[in-house]
Structure formats: structure tokens, C-alpha cells
Amino acid sequence: MDAFADNWKLIQARALSVVKYMINFLGIAPDRLAAKGFGRYHPVPEGDSESARAHNRLIKLKLTEM
């Protein structure tokens, strides 16, 4: 059995690990960060091909000014 029940939980864990890294090693304040994982509910690109699935496993950062 996989450590994650589905791809959505996997991407949530990946997003959270990036946020934790930014807090613990880059010193960014936790209240300035958020982790979100959309998994299969917000795929880019659409489709079920191996290349589409691989692309949707990537982490993307969105930087905004407060």
C-alpha cells in the first residue's frame, strides 16, 4: 500500500513540505505562507496521459505582495 491514499493527499503533503522548508530554512514567517494542493480537482493540463500526470505532480509557487 502506498503511503498516500490518493494523489490529492500526496500533493497536499508536497505543498506542506515546501512551506515547512521555507519556514525552517529560509526564515519566512509562517503567517505569510499557505500550502494548497488541488490534485485531480484542478489539473493543469487536463488529461490522463503519463505526461499530464507528471506535470500535475509539480509544485508551483505563487508570490504575492501583501
N, C-alpha and C. Protein backbone atom coordinates (compact mmCIF):
# COMPACT_ATOMS: atom_id res chain seq x y z
N MET A 1 0.84 -1.20 0.00
CA MET A 1 0.00 0.00 0.00
C MET A 1 0.88 1.25 0.00
N ASP A 2 0.47 2.23 -0.79
CA ASP A 2 1.20 3.49 -0.84
C ASP A 2 1.04 4.26 0.45
N ALA A 3 1.99 5.16 0.72
CA ALA A 3 1.92 5.99 1.92
C ALA A 3 0.76 6.99 1.84
N PHE A 4 0.32 7.28 0.61
CA PHE A 4 -0.77 8.23 0.42
C PHE A 4 -1.93 7.52 -0.25
N ALA A 5 -3.12 7.76 0.27
CA ALA A 5 -4.31 7.08 -0.25
C ALA A 5 -4.64 7.50 -1.68
N ASP A 6 -4.32 8.73 -2.03
CA ASP A 6 -4.59 9.20 -3.39
C ASP A 6 -3.66 10.36 -3.73
N ASN A 7 -3.70 10.78 -4.97
CA ASN A 7 -2.82 11.84 -5.45
C ASN A 7 -3.09 13.17 -4.76
N TRP A 8 -4.32 13.41 -4.37
CA TRP A 8 -4.65 14.66 -3.69
C TRP A 8 -3.91 14.76 -2.37
N LYS A 9 -3.87 13.67 -1.60
CA LYS A 9 -3.14 13.68 -0.33
C LYS A 9 -1.64 13.82 -0.57
N LEU A 10 -1.15 13.21 -1.63
CA LEU A 10 0.27 13.33 -1.96
C LEU A 10 0.64 14.77 -2.26
N ILE A 11 -0.14 15.45 -3.09
CA ILE A 11 0.20 16.82 -3.45
C ILE A 11 0.04 17.76 -2.25
N GLN A 12 -0.91 17.48 -1.37
CA GLN A 12 -1.05 18.28 -0.15
C GLN A 12 0.22 18.15 0.70
N ALA A 13 0.72 16.93 0.83
CA ALA A 13 1.93 16.70 1.61
C ALA A 13 3.14 17.38 0.98
N ARG A 14 3.23 17.36 -0.34
CA ARG A 14 4.33 18.04 -1.02
C ARG A 14 4.28 19.54 -0.80
N ALA A 15 3.10 20.12 -0.93
CA ALA A 15 2.95 21.56 -0.73
C ALA A 15 3.32 21.94 0.71
N LEU A 16 2.88 21.15 1.66
CA LEU A 16 3.20 21.43 3.06
C LEU A 16 4.69 21.30 3.32
N SER A 17 5.35 20.35 2.70
CA SER A 17 6.79 20.20 2.92
C SER A 17 7.56 21.41 2.38
N VAL A 18 7.09 21.99 1.28
CA VAL A 18 7.73 23.19 0.75
C VAL A 18 7.54 24.36 1.72
N VAL A 19 6.35 24.51 2.25
CA VAL A 19 6.08 25.58 3.22
C VAL A 19 6.94 25.40 4.47
N LYS A 20 7.03 24.19 4.97
CA LYS A 20 7.86 23.94 6.16
C LYS A 20 9.32 24.26 5.88
N TYR A 21 9.80 23.90 4.70
CA TYR A 21 11.18 24.23 4.33
C TYR A 21 11.38 25.74 4.34
N MET A 22 10.45 26.47 3.75
CA MET A 22 10.57 27.93 3.68
C MET A 22 10.57 28.57 5.07
N ILE A 23 9.82 27.99 5.99
CA ILE A 23 9.78 28.48 7.37
C ILE A 23 11.08 28.13 8.09
N ASN A 24 11.45 26.85 8.05
CA ASN A 24 12.57 26.36 8.86
C ASN A 24 13.95 26.71 8.32
N PHE A 25 14.11 26.79 7.02
CA PHE A 25 15.43 27.01 6.46
C PHE A 25 15.61 28.37 5.79
N LEU A 26 14.54 29.00 5.39
CA LEU A 26 14.65 30.30 4.76
C LEU A 26 14.21 31.43 5.68
N GLY A 27 13.61 31.08 6.82
CA GLY A 27 13.23 32.08 7.81
C GLY A 27 12.01 32.91 7.46
N ILE A 28 11.19 32.42 6.56
CA ILE A 28 9.98 33.17 6.19
C ILE A 28 8.93 32.96 7.28
N ALA A 29 8.26 34.03 7.66
CA ALA A 29 7.26 33.96 8.72
C ALA A 29 6.09 33.06 8.31
N PRO A 30 5.68 32.16 9.19
CA PRO A 30 4.60 31.23 8.85
C PRO A 30 3.29 31.90 8.46
N ASP A 31 3.01 33.07 9.02
CA ASP A 31 1.74 33.74 8.70
C ASP A 31 1.74 34.35 7.30
N ARG A 32 2.88 34.26 6.60
CA ARG A 32 2.95 34.76 5.23
C ARG A 32 2.85 33.66 4.19
N LEU A 33 2.66 32.41 4.66
CA LEU A 33 2.67 31.26 3.75
C LEU A 33 1.39 30.45 3.88
N ALA A 34 1.04 29.77 2.81
CA ALA A 34 -0.10 28.84 2.83
C ALA A 34 0.23 27.69 1.89
N ALA A 35 -0.18 26.51 2.29
CA ALA A 35 0.01 25.32 1.45
C ALA A 35 -1.34 24.90 0.90
N LYS A 36 -1.41 24.71 -0.41
CA LYS A 36 -2.64 24.26 -1.04
C LYS A 36 -2.30 23.16 -2.03
N GLY A 37 -3.12 22.17 -2.07
CA GLY A 37 -2.94 21.10 -3.05
C GLY A 37 -4.28 20.80 -3.69
N PHE A 38 -4.33 20.86 -5.00
CA PHE A 38 -5.60 20.67 -5.70
C PHE A 38 -5.75 19.28 -6.29
N GLY A 39 -4.62 18.62 -6.54
CA GLY A 39 -4.67 17.27 -7.07
C GLY A 39 -5.51 17.16 -8.32
N ARG A 40 -6.30 16.12 -8.40
CA ARG A 40 -7.08 15.87 -9.61
C ARG A 40 -8.24 16.83 -9.79
N TYR A 41 -8.51 17.68 -8.80
CA TYR A 41 -9.66 18.58 -8.87
C TYR A 41 -9.35 19.89 -9.58
N HIS A 42 -8.09 20.10 -9.92
CA HIS A 42 -7.68 21.32 -10.60
C HIS A 42 -6.47 21.03 -11.47
N PRO A 43 -6.55 20.02 -12.34
CA PRO A 43 -5.36 19.62 -13.10
C PRO A 43 -4.99 20.60 -14.20
N VAL A 44 -3.69 20.76 -14.39
CA VAL A 44 -3.16 21.55 -15.50
C VAL A 44 -1.98 20.77 -16.03
N PRO A 45 -1.96 20.23 -17.16
CA PRO A 45 -3.01 20.20 -18.17
C PRO A 45 -4.04 19.12 -17.87
N GLU A 46 -5.16 19.20 -18.54
CA GLU A 46 -6.20 18.18 -18.43
C GLU A 46 -5.69 16.90 -19.06
N GLY A 47 -6.21 15.79 -18.64
CA GLY A 47 -5.89 14.53 -19.31
C GLY A 47 -5.35 13.50 -18.34
N ASP A 48 -5.28 12.28 -18.84
CA ASP A 48 -4.84 11.17 -18.02
C ASP A 48 -3.58 10.52 -18.58
N SER A 49 -2.90 11.21 -19.50
CA SER A 49 -1.67 10.65 -20.06
C SER A 49 -0.56 10.72 -19.00
N GLU A 50 0.49 9.94 -19.20
CA GLU A 50 1.60 9.95 -18.25
C GLU A 50 2.23 11.34 -18.16
N SER A 51 2.38 12.04 -19.30
CA SER A 51 2.98 13.38 -19.26
C SER A 51 2.08 14.37 -18.52
N ALA A 52 0.77 14.27 -18.68
CA ALA A 52 -0.15 15.15 -17.95
C ALA A 52 -0.08 14.87 -16.46
N ARG A 53 -0.06 13.60 -16.08
CA ARG A 53 0.03 13.25 -14.66
C ARG A 53 1.35 13.72 -14.07
N ALA A 54 2.44 13.57 -14.82
CA ALA A 54 3.75 14.01 -14.34
C ALA A 54 3.76 15.52 -14.13
N HIS A 55 3.19 16.26 -15.07
CA HIS A 55 3.13 17.72 -14.94
C HIS A 55 2.34 18.13 -13.70
N ASN A 56 1.28 17.41 -13.40
CA ASN A 56 0.43 17.76 -12.27
C ASN A 56 1.01 17.35 -10.93
N ARG A 57 2.18 16.72 -10.93
CA ARG A 57 2.85 16.40 -9.67
C ARG A 57 3.83 17.50 -9.27
N LEU A 58 3.95 18.52 -10.08
CA LEU A 58 4.88 19.60 -9.79
C LEU A 58 4.35 20.52 -8.71
N ILE A 59 5.26 21.16 -8.01
CA ILE A 59 4.91 22.19 -7.04
C ILE A 59 5.02 23.53 -7.74
N LYS A 60 4.04 24.38 -7.54
CA LYS A 60 4.09 25.72 -8.11
C LYS A 60 3.97 26.72 -6.97
N LEU A 61 4.76 27.76 -7.05
CA LEU A 61 4.73 28.81 -6.04
C LEU A 61 4.03 30.03 -6.62
N LYS A 62 3.21 30.64 -5.81
CA LYS A 62 2.56 31.88 -6.20
C LYS A 62 3.00 32.94 -5.21
N LEU A 63 3.69 33.95 -5.69
CA LEU A 63 4.17 35.03 -4.83
C LEU A 63 3.29 36.25 -5.03
N THR A 64 2.84 36.78 -3.92
CA THR A 64 2.02 37.99 -3.97
C THR A 64 2.56 38.99 -2.95
N GLU A 65 2.23 40.23 -3.17
CA GLU A 65 2.63 41.28 -2.25
C GLU A 65 1.49 41.53 -1.28
N MET A 66 1.83 41.65 -0.03
CA MET A 66 0.79 41.89 0.98
C MET A 66 0.53 43.36 1.15
